[in-house]
N, C-alpha and C. Protein backbone atom coordinates (compact mmCIF):
# COMPACT_ATOMS: atom_id res chain seq x y z
N CYS A 1 140.92 134.83 11.93
CA CYS A 1 141.17 135.75 13.03
C CYS A 1 141.89 135.02 14.14
N GLY A 2 142.70 135.74 14.81
CA GLY A 2 143.46 135.15 15.90
C GLY A 2 142.78 135.33 17.24
N PRO A 3 143.39 134.77 18.28
CA PRO A 3 142.80 134.83 19.62
C PRO A 3 142.77 136.24 20.21
N GLN A 4 143.49 137.19 19.61
CA GLN A 4 143.47 138.55 20.16
C GLN A 4 142.06 139.13 20.17
N TYR A 5 141.19 138.65 19.33
CA TYR A 5 139.82 139.17 19.31
C TYR A 5 138.91 138.45 20.29
N SER A 6 139.47 137.49 21.02
CA SER A 6 138.70 136.81 22.06
C SER A 6 139.03 137.35 23.43
N SER A 7 140.18 138.02 23.56
CA SER A 7 140.58 138.57 24.85
C SER A 7 139.79 139.85 25.11
N SER A 8 139.86 140.31 26.36
CA SER A 8 139.08 141.47 26.71
C SER A 8 139.74 142.24 27.82
N TRP A 9 139.31 143.47 28.02
CA TRP A 9 139.82 144.31 29.10
C TRP A 9 138.84 144.32 30.27
N CYS A 10 137.78 143.53 30.18
CA CYS A 10 136.80 143.47 31.26
C CYS A 10 136.54 142.01 31.62
N SER A 11 135.58 141.78 32.48
CA SER A 11 135.33 140.42 32.97
C SER A 11 134.48 139.57 32.03
N ILE A 12 134.11 140.11 30.89
CA ILE A 12 133.29 139.36 29.93
C ILE A 12 134.20 138.42 29.13
N ASN A 13 133.88 137.14 29.15
CA ASN A 13 134.65 136.15 28.40
C ASN A 13 133.99 135.87 27.06
N ALA A 14 134.81 135.54 26.10
CA ALA A 14 134.31 135.19 24.76
C ALA A 14 133.52 133.90 24.82
N ALA A 15 132.51 133.80 23.99
CA ALA A 15 131.79 132.54 23.84
C ALA A 15 132.72 131.57 23.10
N PRO A 16 132.69 130.29 23.43
CA PRO A 16 133.58 129.33 22.77
C PRO A 16 133.44 129.38 21.25
N GLY A 17 134.59 129.49 20.59
CA GLY A 17 134.62 129.47 19.13
C GLY A 17 134.18 130.76 18.45
N LYS A 18 133.93 131.81 19.23
CA LYS A 18 133.48 133.08 18.65
C LYS A 18 134.63 134.08 18.66
N TYR A 19 134.66 134.92 17.64
CA TYR A 19 135.66 135.98 17.56
C TYR A 19 134.94 137.31 17.42
N TYR A 20 135.54 138.32 17.98
CA TYR A 20 134.88 139.63 18.09
C TYR A 20 135.68 140.70 17.38
N TYR A 21 136.03 140.40 16.13
CA TYR A 21 136.75 141.36 15.29
C TYR A 21 135.78 142.43 14.80
N GLY A 22 136.32 143.48 14.19
CA GLY A 22 135.51 144.63 13.78
C GLY A 22 134.41 144.27 12.79
N ARG A 23 133.19 144.51 13.20
CA ARG A 23 132.02 144.31 12.35
C ARG A 23 131.12 145.53 12.48
N GLY A 24 130.32 145.76 11.46
CA GLY A 24 129.35 146.85 11.51
C GLY A 24 129.94 148.18 11.09
N TRP A 25 129.13 149.20 11.18
CA TRP A 25 129.52 150.53 10.69
C TRP A 25 130.67 151.13 11.48
N PHE A 26 130.77 150.82 12.78
CA PHE A 26 131.85 151.36 13.60
C PHE A 26 132.88 150.29 13.94
N GLN A 27 132.85 149.17 13.23
CA GLN A 27 133.81 148.09 13.43
C GLN A 27 133.87 147.66 14.90
N LEU A 28 132.72 147.29 15.43
CA LEU A 28 132.62 146.83 16.81
C LEU A 28 133.59 145.68 17.04
N SER A 29 134.38 145.75 18.09
CA SER A 29 135.41 144.75 18.38
C SER A 29 135.42 144.40 19.86
N TYR A 30 135.89 143.20 20.16
CA TYR A 30 136.15 142.69 21.51
C TYR A 30 134.88 142.32 22.27
N PRO A 31 134.98 141.28 23.10
CA PRO A 31 133.82 140.76 23.81
C PRO A 31 133.05 141.80 24.63
N CYS A 32 133.76 142.69 25.32
CA CYS A 32 133.06 143.69 26.15
C CYS A 32 132.10 144.53 25.33
N ASN A 33 132.55 144.99 24.18
CA ASN A 33 131.69 145.83 23.34
C ASN A 33 130.50 145.04 22.80
N TYR A 34 130.74 143.81 22.36
CA TYR A 34 129.64 142.99 21.85
C TYR A 34 128.63 142.72 22.97
N TYR A 35 129.13 142.41 24.15
CA TYR A 35 128.24 142.14 25.28
C TYR A 35 127.43 143.38 25.65
N ASN A 36 128.11 144.51 25.85
CA ASN A 36 127.43 145.73 26.28
C ASN A 36 126.45 146.24 25.23
N ALA A 37 126.83 146.20 23.97
CA ALA A 37 125.90 146.61 22.91
C ALA A 37 124.69 145.69 22.89
N GLY A 38 124.94 144.40 23.00
CA GLY A 38 123.84 143.44 23.01
C GLY A 38 122.89 143.65 24.18
N GLN A 39 123.44 143.94 25.35
CA GLN A 39 122.60 144.22 26.51
C GLN A 39 121.72 145.44 26.26
N SER A 40 122.30 146.46 25.68
CA SER A 40 121.56 147.69 25.39
C SER A 40 120.46 147.46 24.35
N LEU A 41 120.75 146.60 23.37
CA LEU A 41 119.80 146.36 22.28
C LEU A 41 118.84 145.21 22.53
N GLY A 42 119.11 144.43 23.58
CA GLY A 42 118.27 143.27 23.85
C GLY A 42 118.52 142.11 22.91
N VAL A 43 119.77 142.00 22.44
CA VAL A 43 120.17 140.94 21.50
C VAL A 43 121.43 140.29 22.05
N ASN A 44 121.53 138.97 22.02
CA ASN A 44 122.72 138.29 22.52
C ASN A 44 123.82 138.32 21.45
N LEU A 45 124.57 139.41 21.43
CA LEU A 45 125.64 139.55 20.44
C LEU A 45 126.89 138.78 20.85
N LEU A 46 127.02 138.45 22.12
CA LEU A 46 128.17 137.66 22.55
C LEU A 46 128.12 136.27 21.92
N SER A 47 126.95 135.69 21.85
CA SER A 47 126.78 134.37 21.22
C SER A 47 126.59 134.46 19.71
N ASN A 48 126.18 135.63 19.24
CA ASN A 48 125.87 135.81 17.82
C ASN A 48 126.56 137.05 17.24
N PRO A 49 127.89 137.13 17.31
CA PRO A 49 128.57 138.35 16.86
C PRO A 49 128.39 138.64 15.37
N ASP A 50 128.14 137.61 14.56
CA ASP A 50 127.97 137.83 13.12
C ASP A 50 126.75 138.68 12.79
N LEU A 51 125.79 138.78 13.71
CA LEU A 51 124.61 139.61 13.46
C LEU A 51 124.99 141.06 13.17
N VAL A 52 126.09 141.51 13.76
CA VAL A 52 126.51 142.90 13.54
C VAL A 52 126.90 143.12 12.08
N ALA A 53 127.35 142.07 11.42
CA ALA A 53 127.74 142.17 10.01
C ALA A 53 126.62 141.78 9.05
N THR A 54 125.70 140.95 9.50
CA THR A 54 124.71 140.41 8.56
C THR A 54 123.32 141.02 8.69
N ASN A 55 123.07 141.75 9.76
CA ASN A 55 121.75 142.34 9.99
C ASN A 55 121.89 143.86 9.97
N LEU A 56 121.37 144.49 8.93
CA LEU A 56 121.52 145.93 8.76
C LEU A 56 121.01 146.72 9.96
N LYS A 57 119.86 146.34 10.47
CA LYS A 57 119.29 147.05 11.62
C LYS A 57 120.24 146.99 12.82
N ILE A 58 120.81 145.83 13.08
CA ILE A 58 121.73 145.68 14.21
C ILE A 58 123.03 146.43 13.93
N ALA A 59 123.49 146.45 12.70
CA ALA A 59 124.69 147.22 12.35
C ALA A 59 124.48 148.70 12.68
N VAL A 60 123.34 149.23 12.30
CA VAL A 60 123.02 150.64 12.59
C VAL A 60 122.91 150.84 14.10
N GLN A 61 122.18 149.96 14.77
CA GLN A 61 121.96 150.11 16.21
C GLN A 61 123.27 150.04 17.00
N THR A 62 124.19 149.16 16.60
CA THR A 62 125.45 149.08 17.34
C THR A 62 126.30 150.33 17.09
N ALA A 63 126.22 150.90 15.90
CA ALA A 63 126.95 152.15 15.63
C ALA A 63 126.41 153.27 16.51
N VAL A 64 125.10 153.39 16.59
CA VAL A 64 124.48 154.43 17.43
C VAL A 64 124.82 154.16 18.90
N TRP A 65 124.76 152.90 19.32
CA TRP A 65 125.11 152.55 20.69
C TRP A 65 126.54 152.98 21.00
N PHE A 66 127.49 152.63 20.12
CA PHE A 66 128.90 152.97 20.36
C PHE A 66 129.07 154.48 20.43
N PHE A 67 128.44 155.21 19.53
CA PHE A 67 128.51 156.67 19.48
C PHE A 67 128.05 157.26 20.81
N LYS A 68 126.93 156.79 21.31
CA LYS A 68 126.39 157.31 22.57
C LYS A 68 127.18 156.84 23.78
N ALA A 69 127.50 155.55 23.82
CA ALA A 69 128.19 154.97 24.98
C ALA A 69 129.58 155.56 25.17
N ASN A 70 130.18 156.05 24.10
CA ASN A 70 131.54 156.59 24.17
C ASN A 70 131.57 158.11 24.07
N ASN A 71 130.43 158.74 24.29
CA ASN A 71 130.33 160.20 24.34
C ASN A 71 130.96 160.89 23.14
N MET A 72 130.64 160.40 21.96
CA MET A 72 131.20 160.98 20.74
C MET A 72 130.46 162.23 20.27
N GLU A 73 129.29 162.49 20.84
CA GLU A 73 128.49 163.62 20.36
C GLU A 73 129.23 164.95 20.51
N GLY A 74 129.84 165.19 21.66
CA GLY A 74 130.54 166.46 21.88
C GLY A 74 131.63 166.71 20.84
N PRO A 75 132.59 165.80 20.71
CA PRO A 75 133.63 166.01 19.70
C PRO A 75 133.07 166.12 18.28
N ALA A 76 132.05 165.32 17.97
CA ALA A 76 131.46 165.37 16.62
C ALA A 76 130.80 166.72 16.37
N ARG A 77 130.06 167.23 17.33
CA ARG A 77 129.39 168.53 17.17
C ARG A 77 130.40 169.67 17.00
N ARG A 78 131.54 169.54 17.67
CA ARG A 78 132.58 170.57 17.58
C ARG A 78 133.43 170.42 16.32
N GLY A 79 133.19 169.36 15.55
CA GLY A 79 133.98 169.13 14.35
C GLY A 79 135.37 168.60 14.65
N ASN A 80 135.53 167.99 15.82
CA ASN A 80 136.83 167.48 16.23
C ASN A 80 137.00 166.04 15.74
N PHE A 81 137.35 165.93 14.47
CA PHE A 81 137.50 164.63 13.82
C PHE A 81 138.58 163.79 14.50
N ALA A 82 139.66 164.43 14.94
CA ALA A 82 140.75 163.71 15.61
C ALA A 82 140.25 163.05 16.89
N ALA A 83 139.43 163.75 17.65
CA ALA A 83 138.91 163.19 18.90
C ALA A 83 138.00 161.99 18.63
N THR A 84 137.20 162.06 17.57
CA THR A 84 136.34 160.92 17.26
C THR A 84 137.18 159.72 16.80
N THR A 85 138.25 159.98 16.07
CA THR A 85 139.15 158.90 15.67
C THR A 85 139.79 158.26 16.89
N ARG A 86 140.22 159.09 17.84
CA ARG A 86 140.85 158.57 19.06
C ARG A 86 139.88 157.66 19.82
N ILE A 87 138.60 157.99 19.81
CA ILE A 87 137.60 157.16 20.48
C ILE A 87 137.36 155.87 19.70
N LEU A 88 137.22 155.98 18.39
CA LEU A 88 136.92 154.82 17.54
C LEU A 88 138.07 153.82 17.47
N ASN A 89 139.28 154.33 17.27
CA ASN A 89 140.42 153.45 17.03
C ASN A 89 141.71 154.13 17.49
N PRO A 90 141.98 154.14 18.79
CA PRO A 90 143.13 154.88 19.31
C PRO A 90 144.48 154.42 18.77
N ILE A 91 144.56 153.22 18.22
CA ILE A 91 145.83 152.73 17.68
C ILE A 91 146.28 153.56 16.47
N GLU A 92 145.35 154.30 15.87
CA GLU A 92 145.69 155.15 14.73
C GLU A 92 146.40 156.44 15.17
N CYS A 93 146.31 156.77 16.43
CA CYS A 93 146.83 158.06 16.91
C CYS A 93 148.26 157.95 17.43
N ASN A 94 148.91 159.09 17.49
CA ASN A 94 150.25 159.22 18.08
C ASN A 94 151.29 158.32 17.41
N GLY A 95 151.19 158.18 16.11
CA GLY A 95 152.19 157.41 15.38
C GLY A 95 152.13 155.92 15.63
N GLY A 96 151.01 155.41 16.12
CA GLY A 96 150.86 153.99 16.40
C GLY A 96 150.87 153.16 15.12
N SER A 97 150.70 151.87 15.29
CA SER A 97 150.78 150.97 14.14
C SER A 97 149.66 151.19 13.13
N GLY A 98 148.61 151.87 13.53
CA GLY A 98 147.52 152.16 12.60
C GLY A 98 147.57 153.54 11.99
N TYR A 99 148.71 154.21 12.12
CA TYR A 99 148.82 155.60 11.67
C TYR A 99 148.48 155.76 10.18
N GLN A 100 148.92 154.83 9.35
CA GLN A 100 148.61 154.91 7.91
C GLN A 100 147.10 154.85 7.67
N ASN A 101 146.41 154.03 8.48
CA ASN A 101 144.94 153.98 8.37
C ASN A 101 144.34 155.34 8.67
N GLN A 102 144.90 156.02 9.66
CA GLN A 102 144.40 157.35 10.00
C GLN A 102 144.57 158.32 8.83
N LEU A 103 145.70 158.26 8.18
CA LEU A 103 145.93 159.17 7.05
C LEU A 103 144.91 158.92 5.94
N THR A 104 144.57 157.66 5.71
CA THR A 104 143.54 157.33 4.72
C THR A 104 142.18 157.85 5.18
N ARG A 105 141.88 157.69 6.46
CA ARG A 105 140.61 158.16 7.02
C ARG A 105 140.50 159.69 6.89
N VAL A 106 141.59 160.39 7.19
CA VAL A 106 141.59 161.86 7.11
C VAL A 106 141.44 162.31 5.66
N ALA A 107 142.10 161.63 4.74
CA ALA A 107 141.98 162.00 3.32
C ALA A 107 140.53 161.83 2.86
N THR A 108 139.88 160.75 3.29
CA THR A 108 138.47 160.54 2.94
C THR A 108 137.60 161.62 3.56
N TYR A 109 137.86 161.96 4.81
CA TYR A 109 137.12 163.02 5.51
C TYR A 109 137.23 164.34 4.75
N ARG A 110 138.43 164.66 4.32
CA ARG A 110 138.63 165.92 3.58
C ARG A 110 137.89 165.90 2.24
N ARG A 111 137.91 164.75 1.55
CA ARG A 111 137.19 164.64 0.27
C ARG A 111 135.68 164.81 0.47
N VAL A 112 135.16 164.21 1.51
CA VAL A 112 133.72 164.33 1.78
C VAL A 112 133.37 165.77 2.10
N ARG A 113 134.18 166.43 2.91
CA ARG A 113 133.94 167.85 3.22
C ARG A 113 133.94 168.67 1.93
N GLN A 114 134.88 168.38 1.05
CA GLN A 114 134.98 169.11 -0.21
C GLN A 114 133.73 168.87 -1.08
N CYS A 115 133.27 167.64 -1.14
CA CYS A 115 132.07 167.31 -1.94
C CYS A 115 130.84 168.08 -1.48
N PHE A 116 130.77 168.36 -0.18
CA PHE A 116 129.63 169.08 0.37
C PHE A 116 129.91 170.57 0.58
N ASN A 117 131.01 171.04 -0.04
CA ASN A 117 131.39 172.46 0.06
C ASN A 117 131.49 172.94 1.50
N LEU A 118 132.08 172.13 2.35
CA LEU A 118 132.23 172.48 3.76
C LEU A 118 133.57 173.14 4.05
N GLY A 119 134.43 173.22 3.07
CA GLY A 119 135.74 173.84 3.29
C GLY A 119 136.65 172.94 4.09
N SER A 120 137.80 173.48 4.42
CA SER A 120 138.78 172.73 5.20
C SER A 120 138.35 172.65 6.66
N PRO A 121 138.73 171.58 7.35
CA PRO A 121 138.41 171.49 8.77
C PRO A 121 139.08 172.62 9.54
N THR A 122 138.41 173.12 10.57
CA THR A 122 138.99 174.19 11.38
C THR A 122 139.83 173.64 12.52
N ILE A 123 139.67 172.37 12.83
CA ILE A 123 140.46 171.70 13.86
C ILE A 123 141.30 170.64 13.15
N ASN A 124 142.57 170.54 13.52
CA ASN A 124 143.45 169.54 12.90
C ASN A 124 142.81 168.16 13.00
N PRO A 125 142.56 167.49 11.87
CA PRO A 125 141.88 166.19 11.91
C PRO A 125 142.80 165.02 12.25
N ILE A 126 144.09 165.27 12.40
CA ILE A 126 145.03 164.18 12.71
C ILE A 126 145.29 164.16 14.21
N CYS A 127 145.07 162.98 14.81
CA CYS A 127 145.28 162.87 16.26
C CYS A 127 146.69 162.40 16.58
């Protein structure tokens, strides 16, 4: 991993030699998210970021933390898959460099809906 995962948009600095690339169910990334999730959970994730990948309980807890901290409940309840994608990984939206990832995510979403006989999404799932 490169140094891009050590930089941040807030005042939280990376611990020396630690990288904060996507780990866990929601691919937690960047020092701010690791710090804030850790504060909420009572675990020092800034010093121990690998716990998000190696500890199932912490992986689940960080996913729930991210979901709540980023107000994903409203868009999720409304079935607005595009809005949840924009919150999770905005680089996938608006033709960004992650656009192909979004198309894969949407295809998987549609397959899962089909498996559960949920029909087609009523809101455009592409952001």
